[in-house]
Protein backbone atom coordinates (compact mmCIF):
# COMPACT_ATOMS: atom_id res chain seq x y z
CA UNK A 1 168.56 32.18 136.05
CA UNK A 2 171.25 30.11 134.29
CA UNK A 3 169.90 27.60 131.91
CA UNK A 4 170.22 23.92 132.68
CA UNK A 5 170.86 20.89 130.33
CA UNK A 6 167.45 19.50 131.24
CA UNK A 7 165.60 22.64 130.36
CA UNK A 8 167.41 22.56 126.90
CA UNK A 9 166.37 18.89 126.28
CA UNK A 10 162.87 19.64 127.16
CA UNK A 11 162.24 22.75 125.12
CA UNK A 12 160.87 22.59 121.58
CA UNK A 13 163.05 25.04 119.84
CA UNK A 14 166.59 23.98 118.84
CA UNK A 15 169.67 24.31 121.05
CA UNK A 16 172.97 25.00 119.53
CA UNK A 17 176.40 23.87 120.84
CA UNK A 18 179.75 22.45 119.66
CA UNK A 19 181.96 19.38 120.16
CA UNK A 20 185.04 19.79 122.44
CA UNK A 21 187.83 17.31 122.54
CA UNK A 22 190.99 19.15 122.06
CA UNK A 23 191.17 22.51 123.96
CA UNK A 24 191.27 21.89 127.73
CA UNK A 25 191.55 25.53 128.94
CA UNK A 26 189.64 27.80 131.50
CA UNK A 27 188.61 30.18 128.81
CA UNK A 28 186.60 27.71 126.73
CA UNK A 29 183.32 28.20 128.76
CA UNK A 30 183.28 31.95 128.21
CA UNK A 31 184.59 31.62 124.51
CA UNK A 32 181.46 29.34 123.70
CA UNK A 33 179.17 31.46 125.66
CA UNK A 34 180.17 34.64 123.79
CA UNK A 35 179.80 32.63 120.61
CA UNK A 36 176.23 31.97 121.53
CA UNK A 37 176.51 28.31 122.40
CA UNK A 38 173.59 26.78 124.51
CA UNK A 39 175.64 23.73 125.42
CA UNK A 40 178.86 22.03 124.85
CA UNK A 41 179.59 18.36 124.20
CA UNK A 42 182.85 17.21 125.86
CA UNK A 43 184.33 14.06 124.59
CA UNK A 44 186.45 11.51 126.57
CA UNK A 45 186.14 8.64 124.01
CA UNK A 46 188.30 10.06 121.16
CA UNK A 47 190.44 12.60 123.08
CA UNK A 48 192.96 13.07 125.84
CA UNK A 49 190.49 14.58 128.22
CA UNK A 50 190.76 13.02 131.63
CA UNK A 51 188.47 12.90 134.66
CA UNK A 52 190.59 15.76 136.21
CA UNK A 53 190.01 17.72 132.95
CA UNK A 54 186.21 17.10 133.21
CA UNK A 55 186.18 18.14 136.84
CA UNK A 56 187.87 21.30 136.06
CA UNK A 57 185.85 21.97 132.88
CA UNK A 58 182.52 21.56 134.87
CA UNK A 59 183.49 24.61 136.84
CA UNK A 60 184.60 26.88 134.16
CA UNK A 61 181.64 26.07 131.79
CA UNK A 62 179.34 26.48 134.88
CA UNK A 63 180.86 29.97 135.37
CA UNK A 64 180.05 30.90 131.86
CA UNK A 65 176.48 29.45 131.98
CA UNK A 66 177.13 26.76 129.36
CA UNK A 67 175.63 23.36 130.20
CA UNK A 68 177.66 20.16 129.53
CA UNK A 69 177.11 16.84 127.91
CA UNK A 70 180.10 14.67 128.72
CA UNK A 71 180.79 11.43 126.65
CA UNK A 72 182.73 9.13 128.97
CA UNK A 73 185.47 6.83 127.77
CA UNK A 74 183.10 3.81 127.82
CA UNK A 75 179.78 2.43 129.08
CA UNK A 76 181.32 1.00 132.32
CA UNK A 77 179.31 1.80 135.35
CA UNK A 78 182.37 3.45 137.15
CA UNK A 79 183.04 5.66 134.02
CA UNK A 80 179.50 6.90 133.85
CA UNK A 81 179.14 7.56 137.76
CA UNK A 82 182.51 9.09 138.22
CA UNK A 83 181.86 11.75 135.34
CA UNK A 84 178.55 12.57 137.17
CA UNK A 85 180.24 12.69 140.49
CA UNK A 86 182.73 15.25 139.05
CA UNK A 87 179.69 17.41 138.28
CA UNK A 88 178.63 16.81 134.82
CA UNK A 89 174.82 17.44 134.21
CA UNK A 90 174.51 14.86 131.56
CA UNK A 91 176.33 11.96 130.05
CA UNK A 92 176.27 10.70 126.45
CA UNK A 93 177.03 7.00 125.90
CA UNK A 94 178.44 5.62 122.69
CA UNK A 95 177.06 2.89 120.57
CA UNK A 96 173.98 1.77 122.52
CA UNK A 97 172.42 -1.04 120.77
CA UNK A 98 169.61 -2.56 122.89
CA UNK A 99 167.15 -1.51 125.52
CA UNK A 100 168.93 -3.59 127.96
CA UNK A 101 172.05 -1.58 127.47
CA UNK A 102 169.98 1.57 127.91
CA UNK A 103 168.59 0.33 131.14
CA UNK A 104 171.97 -0.44 132.59
CA UNK A 105 173.25 3.02 131.57
CA UNK A 106 170.24 4.73 133.37
CA UNK A 107 170.95 2.50 136.40
CA UNK A 108 174.62 3.67 136.50
CA UNK A 109 173.52 7.26 136.09
CA UNK A 110 170.61 7.48 138.72
CA UNK A 111 170.80 7.07 142.47
CA UNK A 112 168.38 4.77 144.21
CA UNK A 113 165.50 4.17 143.92
CA UNK A 114 165.64 5.12 140.24
CA UNK A 115 169.02 3.33 139.72
CA UNK A 116 172.05 1.72 141.11
CA UNK A 117 174.68 4.63 141.30
CA UNK A 118 176.86 4.53 144.28
CA UNK A 119 175.94 7.23 146.72
CA UNK A 120 178.64 9.83 147.40
CA UNK A 121 177.35 13.19 148.62
CA UNK A 122 178.84 16.56 149.52
CA UNK A 123 181.00 16.17 146.58
CA UNK A 124 181.45 18.23 143.23
CA UNK A 125 178.08 17.18 141.80
CA UNK A 126 176.15 18.72 144.77
CA UNK A 127 178.70 21.55 145.31
CA UNK A 128 179.83 19.93 148.62
CA UNK A 129 176.76 21.08 150.20
CA UNK A 130 175.22 19.56 153.37
CA UNK A 131 171.61 18.29 153.22
CA UNK A 132 169.20 15.52 153.81
CA UNK A 133 170.21 12.42 152.09
CA UNK A 134 166.84 11.47 150.40
CA UNK A 135 166.26 15.08 149.24
CA UNK A 136 169.72 15.13 147.75
CA UNK A 137 169.32 11.90 145.86
CA UNK A 138 165.94 13.07 144.46
CA UNK A 139 167.48 16.35 143.27
CA UNK A 140 170.62 14.67 141.63
CA UNK A 141 168.13 12.31 139.80
CA UNK A 142 166.18 15.33 138.47
CA UNK A 143 169.17 17.14 137.32
CA UNK A 144 171.03 14.20 135.67
CA UNK A 145 170.44 13.67 132.04
CA UNK A 146 170.98 10.62 129.94
CA UNK A 147 171.78 10.76 126.21
CA UNK A 148 172.33 7.68 124.17
CA UNK A 149 174.01 7.37 120.88
CA UNK A 150 172.50 5.56 117.98
CA UNK A 151 175.52 4.58 115.80
CA UNK A 152 175.08 1.05 114.84
CA UNK A 153 172.65 -0.98 112.63
CA UNK A 154 171.49 -2.68 115.86
CA UNK A 155 170.83 0.59 117.50
CA UNK A 156 168.88 2.02 114.74
CA UNK A 157 166.75 -1.38 114.50
CA UNK A 158 166.09 -0.81 118.37
CA UNK A 159 165.75 2.79 118.33
CA UNK A 160 162.09 2.73 119.44
CA UNK A 161 162.73 0.38 122.40
CA UNK A 162 165.77 2.29 123.46
CA UNK A 163 163.98 5.65 123.44
CA UNK A 164 161.07 4.01 125.41
CA UNK A 165 163.30 3.21 128.34
CA UNK A 166 162.53 5.38 131.42
CA UNK A 167 165.18 7.72 132.35
CA UNK A 168 166.51 8.33 128.82
CA UNK A 169 166.28 11.99 127.81
CA UNK A 170 167.68 12.16 124.36
CA UNK A 171 169.22 10.05 121.47
CA UNK A 172 172.14 11.22 119.47
CA UNK A 173 173.14 10.04 115.94
CA UNK A 174 176.74 9.07 115.54
CA UNK A 175 176.68 9.44 111.82
CA UNK A 176 180.18 8.13 110.98
CA UNK A 177 179.85 4.99 113.10
CA UNK A 178 176.21 4.41 111.89
CA UNK A 179 177.09 4.55 108.40
CA UNK A 180 180.14 2.30 108.79
CA UNK A 181 178.04 -0.27 110.73
CA UNK A 182 175.54 -0.31 107.81
CA UNK A 183 178.39 -0.96 105.47
CA UNK A 184 178.16 2.27 103.72
CA UNK A 185 180.89 4.30 105.53
CA UNK A 186 180.56 8.02 104.85
CA UNK A 187 177.66 7.69 102.50
CA UNK A 188 175.26 9.89 104.28
CA UNK A 189 172.76 10.16 101.43
CA UNK A 190 172.45 6.44 101.12
CA UNK A 191 168.89 5.11 101.51
CA UNK A 192 169.93 2.72 104.21
CA UNK A 193 171.55 5.49 106.39
CA UNK A 194 168.66 7.80 105.70
CA UNK A 195 166.20 4.98 106.80
CA UNK A 196 168.10 4.42 110.12
CA UNK A 197 167.92 8.14 110.67
CA UNK A 198 164.26 8.32 110.05
CA UNK A 199 163.54 5.49 112.45
CA UNK A 200 165.49 7.32 115.11
CA UNK A 201 163.58 10.41 114.62
CA UNK A 202 160.23 8.63 114.78
CA UNK A 203 161.38 6.94 118.04
CA UNK A 204 162.21 10.37 119.54
CA UNK A 205 158.96 11.95 118.27
CA UNK A 206 156.90 9.10 119.72
CA UNK A 207 158.62 8.93 123.15
CA UNK A 208 159.16 12.73 123.32
CA UNK A 209 162.95 12.58 123.50
CA UNK A 210 165.43 15.07 122.39
CA UNK A 211 167.54 14.24 119.33
CA UNK A 212 171.15 15.45 118.52
CA UNK A 213 173.92 15.31 116.17
CA UNK A 214 177.21 16.92 115.18
CA UNK A 215 176.81 18.95 111.91
CA UNK A 216 179.48 20.24 109.58
CA UNK A 217 177.78 23.42 108.25
CA UNK A 218 174.91 25.70 109.12
CA UNK A 219 173.04 24.27 106.02
CA UNK A 220 173.27 20.79 107.33
CA UNK A 221 172.20 22.08 110.78
CA UNK A 222 169.07 23.72 109.23
CA UNK A 223 168.31 20.38 107.44
CA UNK A 224 168.51 18.50 110.66
CA UNK A 225 166.21 20.91 112.51
CA UNK A 226 163.80 20.50 109.72
CA UNK A 227 163.83 16.76 109.96
CA UNK A 228 163.27 16.89 113.74
CA UNK A 229 166.50 17.25 115.52
CA UNK A 230 166.71 19.83 118.38
CA UNK A 231 170.39 19.40 119.66
CA UNK A 232 172.77 20.73 117.09
CA UNK A 233 176.45 20.58 117.75
CA UNK A 234 178.13 22.74 115.15
CA UNK A 235 181.38 21.24 114.20
CA UNK A 236 184.26 20.89 116.85
CA UNK A 237 187.01 22.94 118.42
CA UNK A 238 189.87 21.57 116.52
CA UNK A 239 188.10 21.56 113.24
CA UNK A 240 186.79 25.09 113.66
CA UNK A 241 190.33 26.38 114.28
CA UNK A 242 191.82 24.38 111.49
CA UNK A 243 189.24 25.52 108.90
CA UNK A 244 189.27 29.24 109.98
CA UNK A 245 193.16 29.20 110.00
CA UNK A 246 193.39 27.50 106.58
CA UNK A 247 190.90 29.86 104.99
CA UNK A 248 192.84 32.85 106.31
CA UNK A 249 196.26 31.41 105.37
CA UNK A 250 195.11 30.37 101.88
CA UNK A 251 193.58 33.75 101.06
CA UNK A 252 196.73 35.44 102.03
CA UNK A 253 198.80 33.13 100.01
CA UNK A 254 196.56 33.61 96.99
CA UNK A 255 196.75 37.51 97.43
CA UNK A 256 200.52 37.47 97.84
CA UNK A 257 200.82 35.30 94.62
CA UNK A 258 198.55 37.67 92.75
CA UNK A 259 200.66 40.74 93.89
CA UNK A 260 203.86 38.94 93.00
CA UNK A 261 202.47 38.13 89.59
CA UNK A 262 201.18 41.66 89.12
CA UNK A 263 204.64 43.14 89.88
CA UNK A 264 206.29 40.65 87.47
CA UNK A 265 203.92 41.85 84.69
CA UNK A 266 204.53 45.41 85.33
CA UNK A 267 208.43 45.05 84.86
CA UNK A 268 208.01 43.55 81.44
């Protein structure tokens, strides 16, 4: 049976994925599946991915058995509901600072009576299937996952209250924005940053929420798992290609220089 995003958020062992914001291609789902990814984090906030991109991506990641978390362009009600109507299992909303914001996001993501999402049925999110309305709304609410980003000083201060909101499934540390909001941009070993992260971990532990973050190395991922994170997005599509390509080209350049210098010495 294909794994669901909800099952990944509920399990105790870590789930591994990657950040996708550049490559909009039908092959990505199977590429990530064959790399061992449990999920993918698709970003609309900082990329050129459109709603049409997401609607297509849902199907090719679904075919590969890779659940999706999609970050809409904003926290606007229609941005959230349209991504979900396109078929995404979960949404991740940027820079959530208060429990009031969290409740508004849950309302936008959930159908009545759990929320206020506009009702559109027999669409992409329910595979265009017929069915009884109340049953379909309940099934959609069970399937839909809400992930909220803690990436401001305010969000870290309110992490416990945000995690306590019903309908919130996970928190996600936005490390760059969080450090900048604290006035220590990029200083991830700074005591203030570490304190904010610890408070978020404590909130997720207390309220039994999953916790995620993008990491830049396997070593950092293992450190995060040890600290209590269970959603680990290893790097991102563009960064992985850049780094792998740079490593190969740099190795060949160095080898070519060494050979050239060796031939030069042999002629002397």
